[in-house]
């Protein structure tokens, strides 16, 4: 990584003069972030996904982060960049449709059931209620969670768009930041979505909240979370997948309010 003094000078050169040399040095200096994020994402992916492809996608996210970073917001660049890099990697994977169609269909069916139960019950459905609605035994439901877990990894990096196509993209994880906006409508939409996301996460079970926090905000891998909670990596994956589908059910209405790319 770049040492502090050189980092500040490079940012100054790039911001004041638009120096291409400074930008290139920033990209090279922060490139370890790309490998770090790509390594975390790769853990939950099938072996046919090449690590070098993840790094290539991530580099675009790093460049986007460098171009859009505003130090006046008081956010560390590393924190801002990691979300952009991870989002770019997931965008690249989605564009190449790396998930088998059969798995994607099962994931969509599970998401649909979670949304329907959420609306009907007014709360998160239990594992048994979901498995009953799917007409499968609870053991088969847990196997299904393992099968579709790859579709849920980094799901909170999904892009949400405001209705105005000229506005900057908003990712779910960006809602943890205090983003400024001159558009009052956009401010209200994001504030309401941020509140809805906070309530949705708060309504999760304690273990689900812990897994979401450790994975997305603390940067732990599923294996590391399992070691922390003294449970298997497979069990962590199940908990993470359930939490994501439950959050999607709770936030479903926002897909029509804000829209999803």
C-alpha atoms as a PDB file:
ATOM      1  CA  UNK A   1       0.000   0.000   0.000  1.00  0.00           C
ATOM      2  CA  UNK A   2       1.034   3.653  -0.388  1.00  0.00           C
ATOM      3  CA  UNK A   3       2.766   5.328   2.551  1.00  0.00           C
ATOM      4  CA  UNK A   4       0.808   8.190   4.114  1.00  0.00           C
ATOM      5  CA  UNK A   5       2.969  11.121   2.975  1.00  0.00           C
ATOM      6  CA  UNK A   6       3.212   9.928  -0.637  1.00  0.00           C
ATOM      7  CA  UNK A   7      -0.486   9.099  -0.665  1.00  0.00           C
ATOM      8  CA  UNK A   8      -1.477  12.645   0.286  1.00  0.00           C
ATOM      9  CA  UNK A   9       0.803  14.124  -2.381  1.00  0.00           C
ATOM     10  CA  UNK A  10      -0.568  11.820  -5.081  1.00  0.00           C
ATOM     11  CA  UNK A  11      -4.156  12.751  -4.196  1.00  0.00           C
ATOM     12  CA  UNK A  12      -3.187  16.439  -4.255  1.00  0.00           C
ATOM     13  CA  UNK A  13      -1.525  16.108  -7.671  1.00  0.00           C
ATOM     14  CA  UNK A  14      -4.497  14.205  -9.082  1.00  0.00           C
ATOM     15  CA  UNK A  15      -7.190  16.479  -7.660  1.00  0.00           C
ATOM     16  CA  UNK A  16      -5.525  19.766  -8.523  1.00  0.00           C
ATOM     17  CA  UNK A  17      -4.075  18.986 -11.921  1.00  0.00           C
ATOM     18  CA  UNK A  18      -5.810  15.823 -13.060  1.00  0.00           C
ATOM     19  CA  UNK A  19      -2.390  14.218 -13.369  1.00  0.00           C
ATOM     20  CA  UNK A  20      -2.575  10.920 -15.268  1.00  0.00           C
ATOM     21  CA  UNK A  21       0.719   9.894 -13.697  1.00  0.00           C
ATOM     22  CA  UNK A  22      -0.662  10.444 -10.182  1.00  0.00           C
ATOM     23  CA  UNK A  23      -3.810   8.499 -11.078  1.00  0.00           C
ATOM     24  CA  UNK A  24      -1.773   5.564 -12.384  1.00  0.00           C
ATOM     25  CA  UNK A  25       0.338   5.540  -9.221  1.00  0.00           C
ATOM     26  CA  UNK A  26      -2.800   5.590  -7.081  1.00  0.00           C
ATOM     27  CA  UNK A  27      -4.182   2.622  -9.028  1.00  0.00           C
ATOM     28  CA  UNK A  28      -0.950   0.658  -8.594  1.00  0.00           C
ATOM     29  CA  UNK A  29      -0.627   1.670  -4.941  1.00  0.00           C
ATOM     30  CA  UNK A  30      -4.148   0.584  -4.048  1.00  0.00           C
ATOM     31  CA  UNK A  31      -4.133  -2.550  -6.235  1.00  0.00           C
ATOM     32  CA  UNK A  32      -3.624  -4.845  -3.185  1.00  0.00           C
ATOM     33  CA  UNK A  33      -7.185  -3.885  -2.210  1.00  0.00           C
ATOM     34  CA  UNK A  34      -8.420  -5.479  -5.425  1.00  0.00           C
ATOM     35  CA  UNK A  35      -6.657  -8.784  -4.718  1.00  0.00           C
ATOM     36  CA  UNK A  36      -7.945  -8.733  -1.143  1.00  0.00           C
ATOM     37  CA  UNK A  37     -11.565  -8.258  -2.210  1.00  0.00           C
ATOM     38  CA  UNK A  38     -11.257 -10.706  -5.111  1.00  0.00           C
ATOM     39  CA  UNK A  39      -9.882 -13.308  -2.710  1.00  0.00           C
ATOM     40  CA  UNK A  40     -12.852 -12.892  -0.378  1.00  0.00           C
ATOM     41  CA  UNK A  41     -15.398 -13.088  -3.182  1.00  0.00           C
ATOM     42  CA  UNK A  42     -13.669 -16.104  -4.761  1.00  0.00           C
ATOM     43  CA  UNK A  43     -14.199 -18.229  -1.637  1.00  0.00           C
ATOM     44  CA  UNK A  44     -17.914 -18.622  -2.307  1.00  0.00           C
ATOM     45  CA  UNK A  45     -17.673 -19.139  -6.077  1.00  0.00           C
ATOM     46  CA  UNK A  46     -17.510 -22.346  -8.142  1.00  0.00           C
ATOM     47  CA  UNK A  47     -14.056 -23.414  -9.426  1.00  0.00           C
ATOM     48  CA  UNK A  48     -14.854 -22.465 -13.033  1.00  0.00           C
ATOM     49  CA  UNK A  49     -14.587 -18.770 -12.084  1.00  0.00           C
ATOM     50  CA  UNK A  50     -11.020 -17.549 -12.678  1.00  0.00           C
ATOM     51  CA  UNK A  51      -9.394 -15.442  -9.955  1.00  0.00           C
ATOM     52  CA  UNK A  52      -7.676 -13.274 -12.593  1.00  0.00           C
ATOM     53  CA  UNK A  53     -11.105 -12.402 -14.022  1.00  0.00           C
ATOM     54  CA  UNK A  54     -12.234 -11.205 -10.597  1.00  0.00           C
ATOM     55  CA  UNK A  55      -9.139  -9.018 -10.327  1.00  0.00           C
ATOM     56  CA  UNK A  56      -9.798  -7.562 -13.788  1.00  0.00           C
ATOM     57  CA  UNK A  57     -13.364  -6.664 -12.822  1.00  0.00           C
ATOM     58  CA  UNK A  58     -12.132  -5.219  -9.531  1.00  0.00           C
ATOM     59  CA  UNK A  59      -9.597  -2.928 -11.198  1.00  0.00           C
ATOM     60  CA  UNK A  60     -12.468  -1.119 -12.926  1.00  0.00           C
ATOM     61  CA  UNK A  61     -14.101  -0.658  -9.517  1.00  0.00           C
ATOM     62  CA  UNK A  62     -10.851   0.741  -8.116  1.00  0.00           C
ATOM     63  CA  UNK A  63     -10.516   3.222 -10.977  1.00  0.00           C
ATOM     64  CA  UNK A  64     -14.137   4.291 -10.508  1.00  0.00           C
ATOM     65  CA  UNK A  65     -13.510   4.771  -6.783  1.00  0.00           C
ATOM     66  CA  UNK A  66     -10.425   6.910  -7.424  1.00  0.00           C
ATOM     67  CA  UNK A  67     -12.309   9.088  -9.914  1.00  0.00           C
ATOM     68  CA  UNK A  68     -15.329   9.610  -7.626  1.00  0.00           C
ATOM     69  CA  UNK A  69     -13.734   9.710  -4.171  1.00  0.00           C
ATOM     70  CA  UNK A  70     -14.351  12.918  -2.227  1.00  0.00           C
ATOM     71  CA  UNK A  71     -12.007  13.227   0.788  1.00  0.00           C
ATOM     72  CA  UNK A  72     -14.138  16.077   2.139  1.00  0.00           C
ATOM     73  CA  UNK A  73     -16.782  13.536   3.221  1.00  0.00           C
ATOM     74  CA  UNK A  74     -14.476  12.256   5.913  1.00  0.00           C
ATOM     75  CA  UNK A  75     -14.557   8.626   4.703  1.00  0.00           C
ATOM     76  CA  UNK A  76     -11.344   6.601   4.406  1.00  0.00           C
ATOM     77  CA  UNK A  77     -10.567   5.824   0.792  1.00  0.00           C
ATOM     78  CA  UNK A  78     -10.008   2.137   1.569  1.00  0.00           C
ATOM     79  CA  UNK A  79     -13.525   1.858   3.030  1.00  0.00           C
ATOM     80  CA  UNK A  80     -15.055   3.611   0.023  1.00  0.00           C
ATOM     81  CA  UNK A  81     -12.978   1.666  -2.506  1.00  0.00           C
ATOM     82  CA  UNK A  82     -13.645  -1.807  -1.109  1.00  0.00           C
ATOM     83  CA  UNK A  83     -17.404  -1.418  -1.650  1.00  0.00           C
ATOM     84  CA  UNK A  84     -16.837  -0.136  -5.208  1.00  0.00           C
ATOM     85  CA  UNK A  85     -14.348  -2.919  -6.018  1.00  0.00           C
ATOM     86  CA  UNK A  86     -16.612  -5.643  -4.678  1.00  0.00           C
ATOM     87  CA  UNK A  87     -19.571  -4.187  -6.542  1.00  0.00           C
ATOM     88  CA  UNK A  88     -17.608  -4.082  -9.799  1.00  0.00           C
ATOM     89  CA  UNK A  89     -16.590  -7.719  -9.352  1.00  0.00           C
ATOM     90  CA  UNK A  90     -20.183  -8.768  -8.783  1.00  0.00           C
ATOM     91  CA  UNK A  91     -21.317  -6.691 -11.785  1.00  0.00           C
ATOM     92  CA  UNK A  92     -18.736  -8.494 -13.921  1.00  0.00           C
ATOM     93  CA  UNK A  93     -19.896 -11.876 -12.706  1.00  0.00           C
ATOM     94  CA  UNK A  94     -23.545 -11.034 -13.349  1.00  0.00           C
ATOM     95  CA  UNK A  95     -22.792  -9.786 -16.850  1.00  0.00           C
ATOM     96  CA  UNK A  96     -21.161 -13.125 -17.672  1.00  0.00           C
ATOM     97  CA  UNK A  97     -24.030 -15.094 -16.116  1.00  0.00           C
ATOM     98  CA  UNK A  98     -21.671 -17.375 -14.182  1.00  0.00           C
ATOM     99  CA  UNK A  99     -24.479 -18.932 -12.105  1.00  0.00           C
ATOM    100  CA  UNK A 100     -26.092 -22.029 -13.703  1.00  0.00           C
ATOM    101  CA  UNK A 101     -29.640 -21.334 -14.899  1.00  0.00           C
ATOM    102  CA  UNK A 102     -31.075 -24.087 -12.723  1.00  0.00           C
ATOM    103  CA  UNK A 103     -29.510 -22.569  -9.597  1.00  0.00           C
ATOM    104  CA  UNK A 104     -30.700 -19.101 -10.541  1.00  0.00           C
ATOM    105  CA  UNK A 105     -34.260 -20.397 -10.986  1.00  0.00           C
ATOM    106  CA  UNK A 106     -34.192 -22.064  -7.573  1.00  0.00           C
ATOM    107  CA  UNK A 107     -32.897 -18.843  -6.018  1.00  0.00           C
ATOM    108  CA  UNK A 108     -35.678 -16.825  -7.657  1.00  0.00           C
ATOM    109  CA  UNK A 109     -38.289 -19.288  -6.410  1.00  0.00           C
ATOM    110  CA  UNK A 110     -36.897 -19.039  -2.888  1.00  0.00           C
ATOM    111  CA  UNK A 111     -36.847 -15.250  -3.046  1.00  0.00           C
ATOM    112  CA  UNK A 112     -40.455 -15.203  -4.298  1.00  0.00           C
ATOM    113  CA  UNK A 113     -41.587 -17.426  -1.418  1.00  0.00           C
ATOM    114  CA  UNK A 114     -39.784 -15.235   1.130  1.00  0.00           C
ATOM    115  CA  UNK A 115     -41.422 -12.102  -0.295  1.00  0.00           C
ATOM    116  CA  UNK A 116     -44.892 -13.668  -0.276  1.00  0.00           C
ATOM    117  CA  UNK A 117     -44.514 -14.921   3.291  1.00  0.00           C
ATOM    118  CA  UNK A 118     -43.123 -11.566   4.438  1.00  0.00           C
ATOM    119  CA  UNK A 119     -46.151  -9.747   3.025  1.00  0.00           C
ATOM    120  CA  UNK A 120     -48.656 -12.267   4.382  1.00  0.00           C
ATOM    121  CA  UNK A 121     -47.163 -12.703   7.851  1.00  0.00           C
ATOM    122  CA  UNK A 122     -45.853  -9.172   8.386  1.00  0.00           C
ATOM    123  CA  UNK A 123     -42.599 -10.636   9.731  1.00  0.00           C
ATOM    124  CA  UNK A 124     -39.738 -12.856   8.699  1.00  0.00           C
ATOM    125  CA  UNK A 125     -40.858 -16.419   8.038  1.00  0.00           C
ATOM    126  CA  UNK A 126     -39.305 -19.228  10.039  1.00  0.00           C
ATOM    127  CA  UNK A 127     -37.276 -21.969   8.381  1.00  0.00           C
ATOM    128  CA  UNK A 128     -40.160 -24.388   8.825  1.00  0.00           C
ATOM    129  CA  UNK A 129     -42.678 -21.974   7.277  1.00  0.00           C
ATOM    130  CA  UNK A 130     -40.450 -21.493   4.243  1.00  0.00           C
ATOM    131  CA  UNK A 131     -39.855 -25.214   3.782  1.00  0.00           C
ATOM    132  CA  UNK A 132     -43.596 -25.888   4.169  1.00  0.00           C
ATOM    133  CA  UNK A 133     -44.373 -23.297   1.492  1.00  0.00           C
ATOM    134  CA  UNK A 134     -41.822 -24.940  -0.793  1.00  0.00           C
ATOM    135  CA  UNK A 135     -43.396 -28.324   0.007  1.00  0.00           C
ATOM    136  CA  UNK A 136     -40.052 -29.835   0.958  1.00  0.00           C
ATOM    137  CA  UNK A 137     -38.672 -31.301   4.216  1.00  0.00           C
ATOM    138  CA  UNK A 138     -36.621 -28.972   6.396  1.00  0.00           C
ATOM    139  CA  UNK A 139     -33.450 -30.969   5.648  1.00  0.00           C
ATOM    140  CA  UNK A 140     -33.971 -30.440   1.921  1.00  0.00           C
ATOM    141  CA  UNK A 141     -34.514 -26.719   2.590  1.00  0.00           C
ATOM    142  CA  UNK A 142     -31.075 -26.515   4.216  1.00  0.00           C
ATOM    143  CA  UNK A 143     -29.548 -28.328   1.249  1.00  0.00           C
ATOM    144  CA  UNK A 144     -31.270 -25.809  -1.026  1.00  0.00           C
ATOM    145  CA  UNK A 145     -29.709 -22.953   0.931  1.00  0.00           C
ATOM    146  CA  UNK A 146     -26.274 -24.441   0.352  1.00  0.00           C
ATOM    147  CA  UNK A 147     -27.008 -24.855  -3.355  1.00  0.00           C
ATOM    148  CA  UNK A 148     -28.135 -21.249  -3.907  1.00  0.00           C
ATOM    149  CA  UNK A 149     -25.660 -19.670  -1.478  1.00  0.00           C
ATOM    150  CA  UNK A 150     -23.465 -18.455  -4.362  1.00  0.00           C
ATOM    151  CA  UNK A 151     -26.325 -16.234  -5.554  1.00  0.00           C
ATOM    152  CA  UNK A 152     -26.482 -14.493  -2.172  1.00  0.00           C
ATOM    153  CA  UNK A 153     -22.794 -13.784  -1.658  1.00  0.00           C
ATOM    154  CA  UNK A 154     -22.149 -10.028  -1.763  1.00  0.00           C
ATOM    155  CA  UNK A 155     -25.834  -9.479  -2.411  1.00  0.00           C
ATOM    156  CA  UNK A 156     -25.768  -6.201  -0.501  1.00  0.00           C
ATOM    157  CA  UNK A 157     -23.464  -4.858  -3.222  1.00  0.00           C
ATOM    158  CA  UNK A 158     -26.411  -4.957  -5.628  1.00  0.00           C
ATOM    159  CA  UNK A 159     -26.946  -1.698  -7.532  1.00  0.00           C
ATOM    160  CA  UNK A 160     -30.045   0.344  -6.773  1.00  0.00           C
ATOM    161  CA  UNK A 161     -30.852   3.273  -9.050  1.00  0.00           C
ATOM    162  CA  UNK A 162     -32.864   6.380  -8.455  1.00  0.00           C
ATOM    163  CA  UNK A 163     -35.538   7.175 -11.025  1.00  0.00           C
ATOM    164  CA  UNK A 164     -33.329   9.849 -12.592  1.00  0.00           C
ATOM    165  CA  UNK A 165     -30.837   8.014 -14.856  1.00  0.00           C
ATOM    166  CA  UNK A 166     -28.374  10.907 -14.516  1.00  0.00           C
ATOM    167  CA  UNK A 167     -27.969  10.299 -10.773  1.00  0.00           C
ATOM    168  CA  UNK A 168     -25.013   8.327  -9.445  1.00  0.00           C
ATOM    169  CA  UNK A 169     -25.683   4.625  -8.793  1.00  0.00           C
ATOM    170  CA  UNK A 170     -26.563   3.735  -5.209  1.00  0.00           C
ATOM    171  CA  UNK A 171     -25.553   0.383  -3.750  1.00  0.00           C
ATOM    172  CA  UNK A 172     -27.265  -1.041  -0.707  1.00  0.00           C
ATOM    173  CA  UNK A 173     -23.992  -0.924   1.231  1.00  0.00           C
ATOM    174  CA  UNK A 174     -23.603   2.762   0.380  1.00  0.00           C
ATOM    175  CA  UNK A 175     -26.517   3.421   2.703  1.00  0.00           C
ATOM    176  CA  UNK A 176     -24.236   2.963   5.692  1.00  0.00           C
ATOM    177  CA  UNK A 177     -22.394   6.079   4.539  1.00  0.00           C
ATOM    178  CA  UNK A 178     -23.630   9.606   5.046  1.00  0.00           C
ATOM    179  CA  UNK A 179     -24.004  10.501   1.382  1.00  0.00           C
ATOM    180  CA  UNK A 180     -24.714  14.145   0.505  1.00  0.00           C
ATOM    181  CA  UNK A 181     -27.134  15.072  -2.228  1.00  0.00           C
ATOM    182  CA  UNK A 182     -28.530  18.320  -3.613  1.00  0.00           C
ATOM    183  CA  UNK A 183     -31.672  16.571  -4.841  1.00  0.00           C
ATOM    184  CA  UNK A 184     -34.274  16.660  -2.024  1.00  0.00           C
ATOM    185  CA  UNK A 185     -36.325  13.839  -3.588  1.00  0.00           C
ATOM    186  CA  UNK A 186     -33.252  11.639  -3.803  1.00  0.00           C
ATOM    187  CA  UNK A 187     -32.346  12.529  -0.210  1.00  0.00           C
ATOM    188  CA  UNK A 188     -35.787  11.462   1.005  1.00  0.00           C
ATOM    189  CA  UNK A 189     -35.727   8.220  -1.009  1.00  0.00           C
ATOM    190  CA  UNK A 190     -32.297   7.239   0.293  1.00  0.00           C
ATOM    191  CA  UNK A 191     -33.143   8.254   3.864  1.00  0.00           C
ATOM    192  CA  UNK A 192     -36.301   6.130   3.806  1.00  0.00           C
ATOM    193  CA  UNK A 193     -34.480   3.172   2.236  1.00  0.00           C
ATOM    194  CA  UNK A 194     -31.677   3.512   4.776  1.00  0.00           C
ATOM    195  CA  UNK A 195     -34.237   3.417   7.598  1.00  0.00           C
ATOM    196  CA  UNK A 196     -35.991   0.423   6.025  1.00  0.00           C
ATOM    197  CA  UNK A 197     -32.683  -1.440   5.672  1.00  0.00           C
ATOM    198  CA  UNK A 198     -31.754  -0.706   9.299  1.00  0.00           C
ATOM    199  CA  UNK A 199     -35.133  -1.987  10.520  1.00  0.00           C
ATOM    200  CA  UNK A 200     -34.898  -5.053   8.284  1.00  0.00           C
ATOM    201  CA  UNK A 201     -31.468  -5.965   9.632  1.00  0.00           C
ATOM    202  CA  UNK A 202     -32.573  -5.292  13.196  1.00  0.00           C
ATOM    203  CA  UNK A 203     -35.480  -7.718  12.773  1.00  0.00           C
ATOM    204  CA  UNK A 204     -33.120 -10.569  11.867  1.00  0.00           C
ATOM    205  CA  UNK A 205     -32.161 -13.110  14.505  1.00  0.00           C
ATOM    206  CA  UNK A 206     -29.078 -12.280  16.562  1.00  0.00           C
ATOM    207  CA  UNK A 207     -26.991 -14.869  14.744  1.00  0.00           C
ATOM    208  CA  UNK A 208     -28.101 -13.611  11.323  1.00  0.00           C
ATOM    209  CA  UNK A 209     -27.270 -10.017  12.305  1.00  0.00           C
ATOM    210  CA  UNK A 210     -23.870 -11.148  13.529  1.00  0.00           C
ATOM    211  CA  UNK A 211     -23.092 -12.951  10.271  1.00  0.00           C
ATOM    212  CA  UNK A 212     -24.201  -9.977   8.143  1.00  0.00           C
ATOM    213  CA  UNK A 213     -22.113  -7.577  10.255  1.00  0.00           C
ATOM    214  CA  UNK A 214     -18.991  -9.742  10.274  1.00  0.00           C
ATOM    215  CA  UNK A 215     -19.167 -10.516   6.550  1.00  0.00           C
ATOM    216  CA  UNK A 216     -20.083  -7.137   5.054  1.00  0.00           C
ATOM    217  CA  UNK A 217     -18.834  -4.598   7.583  1.00  0.00           C
ATOM    218  CA  UNK A 218     -15.927  -6.362   9.337  1.00  0.00           C
ATOM    219  CA  UNK A 219     -14.564  -8.065   6.232  1.00  0.00           C
ATOM    220  CA  UNK A 220     -14.400 -11.607   7.608  1.00  0.00           C
ATOM    221  CA  UNK A 221     -14.684 -14.629   5.338  1.00  0.00           C
ATOM    222  CA  UNK A 222     -17.349 -17.267   5.931  1.00  0.00           C
ATOM    223  CA  UNK A 223     -14.657 -19.583   7.292  1.00  0.00           C
ATOM    224  CA  UNK A 224     -13.423 -16.920   9.725  1.00  0.00           C
ATOM    225  CA  UNK A 225     -16.996 -16.223  10.852  1.00  0.00           C
ATOM    226  CA  UNK A 226     -17.479 -19.942  11.477  1.00  0.00           C
ATOM    227  CA  UNK A 227     -14.367 -20.013  13.642  1.00  0.00           C
ATOM    228  CA  UNK A 228     -15.570 -16.941  15.541  1.00  0.00           C
ATOM    229  CA  UNK A 229     -19.023 -18.427  16.186  1.00  0.00           C
ATOM    230  CA  UNK A 230     -17.728 -21.995  16.629  1.00  0.00           C
ATOM    231  CA  UNK A 231     -19.906 -23.355  13.823  1.00  0.00           C
ATOM    232  CA  UNK A 232     -19.104 -24.857  10.427  1.00  0.00           C
ATOM    233  CA  UNK A 233     -18.485 -22.756   7.330  1.00  0.00           C
ATOM    234  CA  UNK A 234     -21.438 -24.531   5.697  1.00  0.00           C
ATOM    235  CA  UNK A 235     -23.709 -23.464   8.554  1.00  0.00           C
ATOM    236  CA  UNK A 236     -22.491 -19.855   8.249  1.00  0.00           C
ATOM    237  CA  UNK A 237     -23.293 -19.998   4.531  1.00  0.00           C
ATOM    238  CA  UNK A 238     -26.828 -21.189   5.318  1.00  0.00           C
ATOM    239  CA  UNK A 239     -27.354 -18.412   7.879  1.00  0.00           C
ATOM    240  CA  UNK A 240     -26.012 -15.792   5.463  1.00  0.00           C
ATOM    241  CA  UNK A 241     -28.199 -17.027   2.615  1.00  0.00           C
ATOM    242  CA  UNK A 242     -31.347 -17.061   4.767  1.00  0.00           C
ATOM    243  CA  UNK A 243     -30.612 -13.550   6.007  1.00  0.00           C
ATOM    244  CA  UNK A 244     -30.156 -12.228   2.461  1.00  0.00           C
ATOM    245  CA  UNK A 245     -33.396 -13.737   1.174  1.00  0.00           C
ATOM    246  CA  UNK A 246     -35.252 -12.404   4.215  1.00  0.00           C
ATOM    247  CA  UNK A 247     -33.826  -8.921   3.653  1.00  0.00           C
ATOM    248  CA  UNK A 248     -34.823  -9.111  -0.003  1.00  0.00           C
ATOM    249  CA  UNK A 249     -38.360  -9.992   1.037  1.00  0.00           C
ATOM    250  CA  UNK A 250     -38.538  -7.117   3.507  1.00  0.00           C
ATOM    251  CA  UNK A 251     -37.128  -4.600   1.013  1.00  0.00           C
ATOM    252  CA  UNK A 252     -39.010  -5.876  -2.049  1.00  0.00           C
ATOM    253  CA  UNK A 253     -41.233  -2.813  -2.376  1.00  0.00           C
ATOM    254  CA  UNK A 254     -38.191  -0.564  -2.738  1.00  0.00           C
ATOM    255  CA  UNK A 255     -37.359  -2.280  -6.008  1.00  0.00           C
ATOM    256  CA  UNK A 256     -40.356  -0.530  -7.555  1.00  0.00           C
ATOM    257  CA  UNK A 257     -39.772   2.782  -5.729  1.00  0.00           C
ATOM    258  CA  UNK A 258     -36.107   3.189  -6.599  1.00  0.00           C
ATOM    259  CA  UNK A 259     -35.590   0.479  -9.215  1.00  0.00           C
ATOM    260  CA  UNK A 260     -32.866  -2.091  -9.621  1.00  0.00           C
ATOM    261  CA  UNK A 261     -30.383  -2.468 -12.434  1.00  0.00           C
END
